[in-house]
Amino acid sequence: MLTGVLYGVGVGPGDSLLITEKGKNALSASTAVCVPKSKAERESVALTVARPFLPAGVVVVELLFPMTHNEEELSAHWTEAAHKVAALLAEHQAVSFLTIGDPFLYSTFGYLLQYLRQACPEARVEVIPGVSSFNAAAALLQIPLVEKNERLAVVPVPLSFAEFSGLAQYVDTIVFLKVSAAYEQTLDMLAKSGFAGDTYLVSRCGGDDEFWTNDPFSLRGQDVDYLSLLIVKRRKR
């Protein structure tokens, strides 16, 4: 029988001070935390951000999810993760699942919740929103994402030129997430489209190694951090 509650906690983009008070309370009450990781050796940014608010002796459980498009393999990992979380909920009064940014914005938490609902429909879950990376980036840059009746699109990379062209007809600002997956391709697409007016790259927003530039084209040929995004404003006519 499950006795604990699972908190899906958005810890924000990388600054511990941006975790909400509700998030801090959930973390401090949790005696176990789950950390999604794509590689066994990669350090968890979410855990680093949350650590100041975790109690001493907290149990840290890494849930490994491979970077693959193989649906069968992914489903097997999600099923295993759901059963691990269910086992923790049987032992602990409070368990937190940590996620960078917000739990329902391109996050692993949505998948985990889906599989947990299937494996253990009786599981108690509370979702605590977090500051998204592009909201924090806009604050860092001190630029509005949209004003008046402007429209905003948030899209993951890679994106084909045809997809971009169709989208660009209807929006004024585009946020490209996960740009390291196709950085050069994205820059080429922007240059070809004529859409871009003001273009900014922000990496590791809120972290000690935070970086931003208003000339992302100057970084061609360089490695771009995984936790990077582009904010692109339509060229004013």
C-alpha atoms as a PDB file:
ATOM      1  CA  MET A   1       0.000   0.000   0.000  1.00  0.00           C
ATOM      2  CA  LEU A   2       1.334   3.429  -0.938  1.00  0.00           C
ATOM      3  CA  THR A   3       1.598   5.842   1.993  1.00  0.00           C
ATOM      4  CA  GLY A   4       3.696   8.696   0.643  1.00  0.00           C
ATOM      5  CA  VAL A   5       3.077  11.610  -1.697  1.00  0.00           C
ATOM      6  CA  LEU A   6       5.116  12.253  -4.817  1.00  0.00           C
ATOM      7  CA  TYR A   7       6.076  15.854  -5.472  1.00  0.00           C
ATOM      8  CA  GLY A   8       6.977  16.780  -9.028  1.00  0.00           C
ATOM      9  CA  VAL A   9       9.196  19.768  -8.281  1.00  0.00           C
ATOM     10  CA  GLY A  10      10.328  22.243 -10.907  1.00  0.00           C
ATOM     11  CA  VAL A  11      13.611  23.620  -9.577  1.00  0.00           C
ATOM     12  CA  GLY A  12      13.941  26.363 -12.187  1.00  0.00           C
ATOM     13  CA  PRO A  13      16.726  26.911 -14.713  1.00  0.00           C
ATOM     14  CA  GLY A  14      19.776  26.698 -12.448  1.00  0.00           C
ATOM     15  CA  ASP A  15      19.568  29.205  -9.586  1.00  0.00           C
ATOM     16  CA  SER A  16      18.540  27.745  -6.224  1.00  0.00           C
ATOM     17  CA  LEU A  17      17.023  31.096  -5.252  1.00  0.00           C
ATOM     18  CA  LEU A  18      14.426  30.715  -8.019  1.00  0.00           C
ATOM     19  CA  ILE A  19      12.844  27.635  -6.453  1.00  0.00           C
ATOM     20  CA  THR A  20       9.419  28.599  -5.122  1.00  0.00           C
ATOM     21  CA  GLU A  21       8.639  28.522  -1.419  1.00  0.00           C
ATOM     22  CA  LYS A  22       6.250  25.663  -2.076  1.00  0.00           C
ATOM     23  CA  GLY A  23       9.028  23.793  -3.855  1.00  0.00           C
ATOM     24  CA  LYS A  24      11.426  24.372  -0.974  1.00  0.00           C
ATOM     25  CA  ASN A  25       8.866  23.048   1.498  1.00  0.00           C
ATOM     26  CA  ALA A  26       8.363  19.906  -0.566  1.00  0.00           C
ATOM     27  CA  LEU A  27      12.104  19.323  -0.852  1.00  0.00           C
ATOM     28  CA  SER A  28      12.716  19.804   2.864  1.00  0.00           C
ATOM     29  CA  ALA A  29       9.928  17.326   3.674  1.00  0.00           C
ATOM     30  CA  SER A  30      11.209  14.657   1.277  1.00  0.00           C
ATOM     31  CA  THR A  31      13.323  11.814   2.605  1.00  0.00           C
ATOM     32  CA  ALA A  32      13.873  10.499  -0.928  1.00  0.00           C
ATOM     33  CA  VAL A  33      14.431  12.292  -4.226  1.00  0.00           C
ATOM     34  CA  CYS A  34      14.381  10.955  -7.774  1.00  0.00           C
ATOM     35  CA  VAL A  35      16.757  12.408 -10.331  1.00  0.00           C
ATOM     36  CA  PRO A  36      16.313  11.698 -14.048  1.00  0.00           C
ATOM     37  CA  LYS A  37      19.568  11.208 -15.940  1.00  0.00           C
ATOM     38  CA  SER A  38      20.291  10.446 -19.568  1.00  0.00           C
ATOM     39  CA  LYS A  39      23.784   9.105 -18.880  1.00  0.00           C
ATOM     40  CA  ALA A  40      25.049   7.371 -15.794  1.00  0.00           C
ATOM     41  CA  GLU A  41      28.158   9.564 -15.571  1.00  0.00           C
ATOM     42  CA  ARG A  42      26.488  12.939 -16.152  1.00  0.00           C
ATOM     43  CA  GLU A  43      26.119  15.209 -13.124  1.00  0.00           C
ATOM     44  CA  SER A  44      22.530  16.162 -12.326  1.00  0.00           C
ATOM     45  CA  VAL A  45      22.000  19.920 -12.537  1.00  0.00           C
ATOM     46  CA  ALA A  46      18.584  19.568 -10.901  1.00  0.00           C
ATOM     47  CA  LEU A  47      20.095  17.822  -7.867  1.00  0.00           C
ATOM     48  CA  THR A  48      22.781  20.495  -7.508  1.00  0.00           C
ATOM     49  CA  VAL A  49      20.133  23.230  -7.592  1.00  0.00           C
ATOM     50  CA  ALA A  50      17.876  21.470  -5.078  1.00  0.00           C
ATOM     51  CA  ARG A  51      20.557  20.289  -2.655  1.00  0.00           C
ATOM     52  CA  PRO A  52      20.509  23.352  -0.315  1.00  0.00           C
ATOM     53  CA  PHE A  53      16.930  22.494   0.644  1.00  0.00           C
ATOM     54  CA  LEU A  54      17.225  18.716   1.020  1.00  0.00           C
ATOM     55  CA  PRO A  55      17.350  17.188   4.499  1.00  0.00           C
ATOM     56  CA  ALA A  56      20.431  15.398   5.770  1.00  0.00           C
ATOM     57  CA  GLY A  57      20.490  11.727   4.877  1.00  0.00           C
ATOM     58  CA  VAL A  58      18.057  12.069   1.986  1.00  0.00           C
ATOM     59  CA  VAL A  59      17.971   9.021  -0.307  1.00  0.00           C
ATOM     60  CA  VAL A  60      18.940   9.929  -3.881  1.00  0.00           C
ATOM     61  CA  VAL A  61      17.675   7.591  -6.595  1.00  0.00           C
ATOM     62  CA  GLU A  62      18.919   8.111 -10.139  1.00  0.00           C
ATOM     63  CA  LEU A  63      16.504   7.081 -12.865  1.00  0.00           C
ATOM     64  CA  LEU A  64      18.366   6.424 -16.094  1.00  0.00           C
ATOM     65  CA  PHE A  65      16.618   7.304 -19.347  1.00  0.00           C
ATOM     66  CA  PRO A  66      18.692   6.765 -22.487  1.00  0.00           C
ATOM     67  CA  MET A  67      18.853   9.326 -25.296  1.00  0.00           C
ATOM     68  CA  THR A  68      17.090   7.196 -27.885  1.00  0.00           C
ATOM     69  CA  HIS A  69      14.047   7.290 -30.137  1.00  0.00           C
ATOM     70  CA  ASN A  70      13.442   3.558 -29.712  1.00  0.00           C
ATOM     71  CA  GLU A  71       9.933   3.512 -28.230  1.00  0.00           C
ATOM     72  CA  GLU A  72      10.213  -0.018 -26.837  1.00  0.00           C
ATOM     73  CA  GLU A  73      13.454   0.781 -25.039  1.00  0.00           C
ATOM     74  CA  LEU A  74      12.055   4.036 -23.661  1.00  0.00           C
ATOM     75  CA  SER A  75       8.854   2.353 -22.508  1.00  0.00           C
ATOM     76  CA  ALA A  76      10.855  -0.289 -20.652  1.00  0.00           C
ATOM     77  CA  HIS A  77      12.848   2.389 -18.815  1.00  0.00           C
ATOM     78  CA  TRP A  78       9.710   4.382 -17.947  1.00  0.00           C
ATOM     79  CA  THR A  79       7.992   1.265 -16.635  1.00  0.00           C
ATOM     80  CA  GLU A  80      11.000   0.417 -14.480  1.00  0.00           C
ATOM     81  CA  ALA A  81      11.176   4.007 -13.216  1.00  0.00           C
ATOM     82  CA  ALA A  82       7.479   4.010 -12.301  1.00  0.00           C
ATOM     83  CA  HIS A  83       7.885   0.836 -10.241  1.00  0.00           C
ATOM     84  CA  LYS A  84      10.947   2.294  -8.485  1.00  0.00           C
ATOM     85  CA  VAL A  85       8.982   5.416  -7.569  1.00  0.00           C
ATOM     86  CA  ALA A  86       6.061   3.314  -6.356  1.00  0.00           C
ATOM     87  CA  ALA A  87       8.437   1.337  -4.123  1.00  0.00           C
ATOM     88  CA  LEU A  88       9.780   4.581  -2.667  1.00  0.00           C
ATOM     89  CA  LEU A  89       6.256   5.822  -1.976  1.00  0.00           C
ATOM     90  CA  ALA A  90       5.623   2.662   0.029  1.00  0.00           C
ATOM     91  CA  GLU A  91       8.628   3.447   2.245  1.00  0.00           C
ATOM     92  CA  HIS A  92       8.667   7.259   2.466  1.00  0.00           C
ATOM     93  CA  GLN A  93       6.084   9.840   3.466  1.00  0.00           C
ATOM     94  CA  ALA A  94       7.334  12.294   0.856  1.00  0.00           C
ATOM     95  CA  VAL A  95       9.315  11.754  -2.347  1.00  0.00           C
ATOM     96  CA  SER A  96      10.374  14.495  -4.756  1.00  0.00           C
ATOM     97  CA  PHE A  97      11.014  14.024  -8.461  1.00  0.00           C
ATOM     98  CA  LEU A  98      13.397  16.810  -9.496  1.00  0.00           C
ATOM     99  CA  THR A  99      13.163  18.484 -12.863  1.00  0.00           C
ATOM    100  CA  ILE A 100      14.967  21.480 -14.326  1.00  0.00           C
ATOM    101  CA  GLY A 101      12.593  24.292 -15.260  1.00  0.00           C
ATOM    102  CA  ASP A 102       8.921  23.303 -15.022  1.00  0.00           C
ATOM    103  CA  PRO A 103       7.620  19.731 -14.604  1.00  0.00           C
ATOM    104  CA  PHE A 104       5.264  20.005 -17.580  1.00  0.00           C
ATOM    105  CA  LEU A 105       7.449  21.861 -20.083  1.00  0.00           C
ATOM    106  CA  TYR A 106       9.531  19.370 -22.122  1.00  0.00           C
ATOM    107  CA  SER A 107      10.195  17.462 -18.923  1.00  0.00           C
ATOM    108  CA  THR A 108      10.680  13.795 -18.115  1.00  0.00           C
ATOM    109  CA  PHE A 109       8.157  14.144 -15.306  1.00  0.00           C
ATOM    110  CA  GLY A 110       5.177  14.017 -17.651  1.00  0.00           C
ATOM    111  CA  TYR A 111       6.226  10.585 -18.905  1.00  0.00           C
ATOM    112  CA  LEU A 112       6.960   9.338 -15.413  1.00  0.00           C
ATOM    113  CA  LEU A 113       3.530  10.441 -14.218  1.00  0.00           C
ATOM    114  CA  GLN A 114       1.822   8.693 -17.129  1.00  0.00           C
ATOM    115  CA  TYR A 115       3.500   5.369 -16.344  1.00  0.00           C
ATOM    116  CA  LEU A 116       3.037   5.762 -12.597  1.00  0.00           C
ATOM    117  CA  ARG A 117      -0.716   6.279 -13.107  1.00  0.00           C
ATOM    118  CA  GLN A 118      -0.802   3.003 -15.020  1.00  0.00           C
ATOM    119  CA  ALA A 119       1.287   1.065 -12.507  1.00  0.00           C
ATOM    120  CA  CYS A 120      -0.201   2.595  -9.338  1.00  0.00           C
ATOM    121  CA  PRO A 121      -3.441   4.507  -9.895  1.00  0.00           C
ATOM    122  CA  GLU A 122      -3.716   5.118  -6.154  1.00  0.00           C
ATOM    123  CA  ALA A 123      -0.457   7.131  -5.992  1.00  0.00           C
ATOM    124  CA  ARG A 124      -0.837  10.612  -4.502  1.00  0.00           C
ATOM    125  CA  VAL A 125       0.870  13.260  -6.628  1.00  0.00           C
ATOM    126  CA  GLU A 126       1.357  17.020  -6.279  1.00  0.00           C
ATOM    127  CA  VAL A 127       2.985  19.047  -9.040  1.00  0.00           C
ATOM    128  CA  ILE A 128       4.871  22.225  -8.114  1.00  0.00           C
ATOM    129  CA  PRO A 129       5.622  24.523 -11.057  1.00  0.00           C
ATOM    130  CA  GLY A 130       9.045  26.038 -11.644  1.00  0.00           C
ATOM    131  CA  VAL A 131      10.512  28.999 -13.485  1.00  0.00           C
ATOM    132  CA  SER A 132      11.110  28.062 -17.121  1.00  0.00           C
ATOM    133  CA  SER A 133      14.473  28.644 -18.754  1.00  0.00           C
ATOM    134  CA  PHE A 134      13.195  31.151 -21.300  1.00  0.00           C
ATOM    135  CA  ASN A 135      11.421  33.261 -18.651  1.00  0.00           C
ATOM    136  CA  ALA A 136      14.662  33.401 -16.677  1.00  0.00           C
ATOM    137  CA  ALA A 137      16.619  34.178 -19.866  1.00  0.00           C
ATOM    138  CA  ALA A 138      14.326  37.084 -20.729  1.00  0.00           C
ATOM    139  CA  ALA A 139      14.828  38.459 -17.220  1.00  0.00           C
ATOM    140  CA  LEU A 140      18.596  38.115 -17.601  1.00  0.00           C
ATOM    141  CA  LEU A 141      18.560  39.898 -20.953  1.00  0.00           C
ATOM    142  CA  GLN A 142      15.970  42.421 -19.740  1.00  0.00           C
ATOM    143  CA  ILE A 143      13.912  42.073 -22.907  1.00  0.00           C
ATOM    144  CA  PRO A 144      10.171  41.366 -23.165  1.00  0.00           C
ATOM    145  CA  LEU A 145       9.318  38.114 -24.861  1.00  0.00           C
ATOM    146  CA  VAL A 146       6.086  39.571 -26.284  1.00  0.00           C
ATOM    147  CA  GLU A 147       4.131  42.804 -25.945  1.00  0.00           C
ATOM    148  CA  LYS A 148       0.676  44.065 -26.915  1.00  0.00           C
ATOM    149  CA  ASN A 149      -0.847  41.535 -29.329  1.00  0.00           C
ATOM    150  CA  GLU A 150       2.415  39.809 -30.282  1.00  0.00           C
ATOM    151  CA  ARG A 151       2.633  36.013 -30.366  1.00  0.00           C
ATOM    152  CA  LEU A 152       5.217  33.666 -28.887  1.00  0.00           C
ATOM    153  CA  ALA A 153       6.275  30.194 -30.004  1.00  0.00           C
ATOM    154  CA  VAL A 154       8.429  27.751 -28.024  1.00  0.00           C
ATOM    155  CA  VAL A 155       9.910  24.936 -30.113  1.00  0.00           C
ATOM    156  CA  PRO A 156      12.577  22.268 -29.633  1.00  0.00           C
ATOM    157  CA  VAL A 157      15.418  21.872 -32.121  1.00  0.00           C
ATOM    158  CA  PRO A 158      15.860  20.416 -34.710  1.00  0.00           C
ATOM    159  CA  LEU A 159      13.230  22.108 -36.849  1.00  0.00           C
ATOM    160  CA  SER A 160      13.023  21.895 -40.633  1.00  0.00           C
ATOM    161  CA  PHE A 161      12.997  25.048 -42.720  1.00  0.00           C
ATOM    162  CA  ALA A 162       9.499  24.212 -43.948  1.00  0.00           C
ATOM    163  CA  GLU A 163       8.255  23.860 -40.372  1.00  0.00           C
ATOM    164  CA  PHE A 164       9.961  27.092 -39.370  1.00  0.00           C
ATOM    165  CA  SER A 165       8.590  29.008 -42.366  1.00  0.00           C
ATOM    166  CA  GLY A 166       5.055  27.883 -41.593  1.00  0.00           C
ATOM    167  CA  LEU A 167       5.381  28.848 -37.947  1.00  0.00           C
ATOM    168  CA  ALA A 168       7.122  32.165 -38.568  1.00  0.00           C
ATOM    169  CA  GLN A 169       4.103  33.556 -40.410  1.00  0.00           C
ATOM    170  CA  TYR A 170       2.114  33.717 -37.190  1.00  0.00           C
ATOM    171  CA  VAL A 171       4.532  34.661 -34.408  1.00  0.00           C
ATOM    172  CA  ASP A 172       6.762  37.569 -33.432  1.00  0.00           C
ATOM    173  CA  THR A 173       9.163  35.851 -31.048  1.00  0.00           C
ATOM    174  CA  ILE A 174      10.477  32.293 -31.197  1.00  0.00           C
ATOM    175  CA  VAL A 175      12.273  30.476 -28.398  1.00  0.00           C
ATOM    176  CA  PHE A 176      14.383  27.569 -29.628  1.00  0.00           C
ATOM    177  CA  LEU A 177      15.131  24.995 -26.929  1.00  0.00           C
ATOM    178  CA  LYS A 178      17.790  22.251 -26.930  1.00  0.00           C
ATOM    179  CA  VAL A 179      19.726  24.140 -29.616  1.00  0.00           C
ATOM    180  CA  SER A 180      22.902  22.120 -29.128  1.00  0.00           C
ATOM    181  CA  ALA A 181      21.197  19.314 -31.064  1.00  0.00           C
ATOM    182  CA  ALA A 182      21.396  21.303 -34.315  1.00  0.00           C
ATOM    183  CA  TYR A 183      23.032  24.651 -33.630  1.00  0.00           C
ATOM    184  CA  GLU A 184      24.600  25.281 -37.036  1.00  0.00           C
ATOM    185  CA  GLN A 185      21.453  24.144 -38.830  1.00  0.00           C
ATOM    186  CA  THR A 186      19.342  26.530 -36.758  1.00  0.00           C
ATOM    187  CA  LEU A 187      21.636  29.482 -37.476  1.00  0.00           C
ATOM    188  CA  ASP A 188      21.564  28.693 -41.202  1.00  0.00           C
ATOM    189  CA  MET A 189      17.782  28.565 -41.095  1.00  0.00           C
ATOM    190  CA  LEU A 190      17.553  31.936 -39.367  1.00  0.00           C
ATOM    191  CA  ALA A 191      19.987  33.550 -41.793  1.00  0.00           C
ATOM    192  CA  LYS A 192      18.070  32.190 -44.763  1.00  0.00           C
ATOM    193  CA  SER A 193      14.646  33.200 -43.466  1.00  0.00           C
ATOM    194  CA  GLY A 194      15.253  36.866 -42.794  1.00  0.00           C
ATOM    195  CA  PHE A 195      13.044  36.481 -39.695  1.00  0.00           C
ATOM    196  CA  ALA A 196      15.691  37.297 -37.141  1.00  0.00           C
ATOM    197  CA  GLY A 197      16.042  40.821 -35.888  1.00  0.00           C
ATOM    198  CA  ASP A 198      17.402  40.559 -32.350  1.00  0.00           C
ATOM    199  CA  THR A 199      18.827  37.103 -31.626  1.00  0.00           C
ATOM    200  CA  TYR A 200      20.223  35.956 -28.289  1.00  0.00           C
ATOM    201  CA  LEU A 201      21.882  32.787 -27.063  1.00  0.00           C
ATOM    202  CA  VAL A 202      21.671  32.012 -23.345  1.00  0.00           C
ATOM    203  CA  SER A 203      23.480  29.037 -21.775  1.00  0.00           C
ATOM    204  CA  ARG A 204      23.168  27.652 -18.237  1.00  0.00           C
ATOM    205  CA  CYS A 205      20.887  30.498 -17.180  1.00  0.00           C
ATOM    206  CA  GLY A 206      21.088  31.081 -13.423  1.00  0.00           C
ATOM    207  CA  GLY A 207      24.151  28.894 -12.937  1.00  0.00           C
ATOM    208  CA  ASP A 208      27.652  29.881 -11.915  1.00  0.00           C
ATOM    209  CA  ASP A 209      28.760  29.382 -15.535  1.00  0.00           C
ATOM    210  CA  GLU A 210      25.908  31.401 -17.025  1.00  0.00           C
ATOM    211  CA  PHE A 211      26.665  32.856 -20.464  1.00  0.00           C
ATOM    212  CA  TRP A 212      24.786  34.930 -23.016  1.00  0.00           C
ATOM    213  CA  THR A 213      25.472  36.772 -26.247  1.00  0.00           C
ATOM    214  CA  ASN A 214      23.516  38.890 -28.709  1.00  0.00           C
ATOM    215  CA  ASP A 215      25.682  37.551 -31.524  1.00  0.00           C
ATOM    216  CA  PRO A 216      25.166  33.790 -31.526  1.00  0.00           C
ATOM    217  CA  PHE A 217      26.358  33.642 -35.143  1.00  0.00           C
ATOM    218  CA  SER A 218      29.882  34.380 -33.896  1.00  0.00           C
ATOM    219  CA  LEU A 219      29.908  30.982 -32.169  1.00  0.00           C
ATOM    220  CA  ARG A 220      29.756  28.978 -35.379  1.00  0.00           C
ATOM    221  CA  GLY A 221      32.034  25.957 -35.186  1.00  0.00           C
ATOM    222  CA  GLN A 222      32.064  25.955 -31.375  1.00  0.00           C
ATOM    223  CA  ASP A 223      30.422  23.528 -28.989  1.00  0.00           C
ATOM    224  CA  VAL A 224      27.213  24.881 -27.464  1.00  0.00           C
ATOM    225  CA  ASP A 225      26.185  23.679 -24.011  1.00  0.00           C
ATOM    226  CA  TYR A 226      23.235  21.298 -23.772  1.00  0.00           C
ATOM    227  CA  LEU A 227      21.404  23.748 -21.475  1.00  0.00           C
ATOM    228  CA  SER A 228      21.225  26.487 -24.109  1.00  0.00           C
ATOM    229  CA  LEU A 229      18.420  28.312 -25.872  1.00  0.00           C
ATOM    230  CA  LEU A 230      17.918  30.951 -28.531  1.00  0.00           C
ATOM    231  CA  ILE A 231      15.470  33.843 -28.274  1.00  0.00           C
ATOM    232  CA  VAL A 232      14.721  35.311 -31.685  1.00  0.00           C
ATOM    233  CA  LYS A 233      12.682  38.475 -32.255  1.00  0.00           C
ATOM    234  CA  ARG A 234      11.136  39.229 -35.627  1.00  0.00           C
ATOM    235  CA  ARG A 235      12.960  41.830 -37.686  1.00  0.00           C
ATOM    236  CA  LYS A 236      11.003  45.080 -37.582  1.00  0.00           C
ATOM    237  CA  ARG A 237      10.039  46.411 -40.980  1.00  0.00           C
END
